[in-house]
N, C-alpha and C. Protein backbone atom coordinates (compact mmCIF):
# COMPACT_ATOMS: atom_id res chain seq x y z
N MET A 1 51.24 5.16 15.06
CA MET A 1 50.21 6.18 15.17
C MET A 1 49.55 6.49 13.83
N PRO A 2 50.30 6.57 12.73
CA PRO A 2 49.66 6.86 11.44
C PRO A 2 48.62 5.81 11.05
N LEU A 3 48.89 4.55 11.39
CA LEU A 3 47.92 3.50 11.07
C LEU A 3 46.64 3.66 11.88
N GLU A 4 46.76 4.08 13.12
CA GLU A 4 45.57 4.30 13.95
C GLU A 4 44.72 5.43 13.38
N ALA A 5 45.38 6.47 12.92
CA ALA A 5 44.66 7.60 12.33
C ALA A 5 43.97 7.16 11.04
N GLU A 6 44.67 6.37 10.25
CA GLU A 6 44.07 5.87 9.00
C GLU A 6 42.88 4.96 9.30
N ASN A 7 43.03 4.09 10.28
CA ASN A 7 41.92 3.21 10.67
C ASN A 7 40.72 4.02 11.15
N ALA A 8 40.96 5.05 11.92
CA ALA A 8 39.87 5.91 12.42
C ALA A 8 39.17 6.59 11.25
N ALA A 9 39.96 7.09 10.29
CA ALA A 9 39.37 7.75 9.12
C ALA A 9 38.56 6.75 8.29
N LEU A 10 39.08 5.55 8.14
CA LEU A 10 38.35 4.53 7.37
C LEU A 10 37.07 4.10 8.08
N ARG A 11 37.12 3.98 9.39
CA ARG A 11 35.90 3.64 10.14
C ARG A 11 34.84 4.73 9.98
N LYS A 12 35.28 5.98 10.02
CA LYS A 12 34.35 7.10 9.84
C LYS A 12 33.72 7.04 8.45
N LYS A 13 34.54 6.76 7.45
CA LYS A 13 34.04 6.68 6.07
C LYS A 13 33.04 5.53 5.94
N VAL A 14 33.31 4.41 6.57
CA VAL A 14 32.39 3.26 6.54
C VAL A 14 31.05 3.66 7.15
N ARG A 15 31.08 4.36 8.28
CA ARG A 15 29.83 4.80 8.92
C ARG A 15 29.05 5.73 8.00
N GLU A 16 29.77 6.65 7.35
CA GLU A 16 29.11 7.59 6.43
C GLU A 16 28.47 6.84 5.26
N LEU A 17 29.19 5.89 4.71
CA LEU A 17 28.65 5.12 3.58
C LEU A 17 27.47 4.25 4.00
N GLU A 18 27.53 3.70 5.20
CA GLU A 18 26.40 2.90 5.69
C GLU A 18 25.16 3.78 5.87
N GLU A 19 25.35 4.99 6.39
CA GLU A 19 24.22 5.91 6.55
C GLU A 19 23.64 6.29 5.19
N GLU A 20 24.53 6.57 4.24
CA GLU A 20 24.08 6.92 2.89
C GLU A 20 23.31 5.77 2.24
N ARG A 21 23.81 4.57 2.41
CA ARG A 21 23.13 3.39 1.85
C ARG A 21 21.74 3.23 2.46
N GLU A 22 21.62 3.46 3.75
CA GLU A 22 20.32 3.34 4.42
C GLU A 22 19.34 4.40 3.90
N ILE A 23 19.83 5.62 3.72
CA ILE A 23 18.98 6.68 3.17
C ILE A 23 18.51 6.31 1.77
N LEU A 24 19.41 5.83 0.94
CA LEU A 24 19.06 5.45 -0.43
C LEU A 24 18.09 4.27 -0.45
N ARG A 25 18.29 3.32 0.47
CA ARG A 25 17.37 2.18 0.56
C ARG A 25 15.96 2.65 0.90
N LYS A 26 15.86 3.57 1.86
CA LYS A 26 14.55 4.10 2.24
C LYS A 26 13.92 4.90 1.11
N ALA A 27 14.73 5.67 0.40
CA ALA A 27 14.22 6.46 -0.73
C ALA A 27 13.69 5.53 -1.83
N ALA A 28 14.43 4.48 -2.12
CA ALA A 28 13.99 3.53 -3.15
C ALA A 28 12.67 2.89 -2.75
N LYS A 29 12.53 2.58 -1.48
CA LYS A 29 11.28 1.99 -0.99
C LYS A 29 10.12 2.96 -1.18
N LEU A 30 10.34 4.23 -0.88
CA LEU A 30 9.29 5.24 -1.06
C LEU A 30 8.92 5.40 -2.53
N PHE A 31 9.91 5.40 -3.42
CA PHE A 31 9.63 5.53 -4.84
C PHE A 31 8.84 4.33 -5.36
N ARG A 32 9.18 3.13 -4.90
CA ARG A 32 8.42 1.94 -5.32
C ARG A 32 6.97 2.06 -4.88
N ARG A 33 6.75 2.53 -3.66
CA ARG A 33 5.39 2.71 -3.15
C ARG A 33 4.67 3.76 -3.98
N GLY A 34 5.37 4.81 -4.36
CA GLY A 34 4.79 5.86 -5.19
C GLY A 34 4.36 5.32 -6.54
N ASP A 35 5.17 4.45 -7.14
CA ASP A 35 4.82 3.85 -8.43
C ASP A 35 3.54 3.02 -8.31
N ALA A 36 3.41 2.30 -7.22
CA ALA A 36 2.21 1.49 -7.02
C ALA A 36 0.99 2.39 -6.90
N LEU A 37 1.11 3.50 -6.22
CA LEU A 37 0.00 4.43 -6.07
C LEU A 37 -0.37 5.03 -7.42
N VAL A 38 0.62 5.42 -8.21
CA VAL A 38 0.36 5.96 -9.55
C VAL A 38 -0.37 4.93 -10.39
N ASN A 39 0.07 3.69 -10.34
CA ASN A 39 -0.58 2.63 -11.11
C ASN A 39 -2.04 2.45 -10.70
N ARG A 40 -2.31 2.49 -9.40
CA ARG A 40 -3.68 2.36 -8.92
C ARG A 40 -4.54 3.52 -9.39
N LEU A 41 -3.99 4.73 -9.30
CA LEU A 41 -4.76 5.90 -9.73
C LEU A 41 -5.04 5.86 -11.23
N GLN A 42 -4.07 5.41 -12.01
CA GLN A 42 -4.28 5.29 -13.45
C GLN A 42 -5.36 4.25 -13.74
N SER A 43 -5.35 3.16 -13.01
CA SER A 43 -6.37 2.13 -13.20
C SER A 43 -7.75 2.68 -12.86
N LEU A 44 -7.85 3.40 -11.76
CA LEU A 44 -9.13 3.98 -11.37
C LEU A 44 -9.61 4.98 -12.42
N SER A 45 -8.69 5.73 -12.98
CA SER A 45 -9.04 6.71 -14.01
C SER A 45 -9.58 5.99 -15.25
N ARG A 46 -8.93 4.89 -15.64
CA ARG A 46 -9.41 4.12 -16.80
C ARG A 46 -10.78 3.52 -16.55
N ILE A 47 -10.98 3.01 -15.35
CA ILE A 47 -12.27 2.42 -15.00
C ILE A 47 -13.34 3.50 -15.01
N SER A 48 -13.03 4.63 -14.42
CA SER A 48 -13.99 5.74 -14.39
C SER A 48 -14.34 6.20 -15.80
N SER A 49 -13.35 6.28 -16.67
CA SER A 49 -13.59 6.69 -18.06
C SER A 49 -14.47 5.67 -18.78
N ALA A 50 -14.24 4.39 -18.52
CA ALA A 50 -15.02 3.34 -19.17
C ALA A 50 -16.46 3.36 -18.69
N VAL A 51 -16.67 3.62 -17.42
CA VAL A 51 -18.02 3.63 -16.85
C VAL A 51 -18.82 4.83 -17.35
N THR A 52 -18.15 5.97 -17.49
CA THR A 52 -18.87 7.17 -17.90
C THR A 52 -19.01 7.29 -19.41
N ALA A 53 -18.35 6.43 -20.16
CA ALA A 53 -18.41 6.49 -21.63
C ALA A 53 -19.67 5.85 -22.16
């Protein structure tokens, strides 16, 4: 019985870690997309500054 309880606890921990990994993967994806948007906005700002100068 103690082994069954330990296995159940380990399975629960694996599920928790898998969920955490998925959340972190999605967050990293959002941050990468945010960086691309910042880069585009900075480029547009430079272009706008060059045109108006």
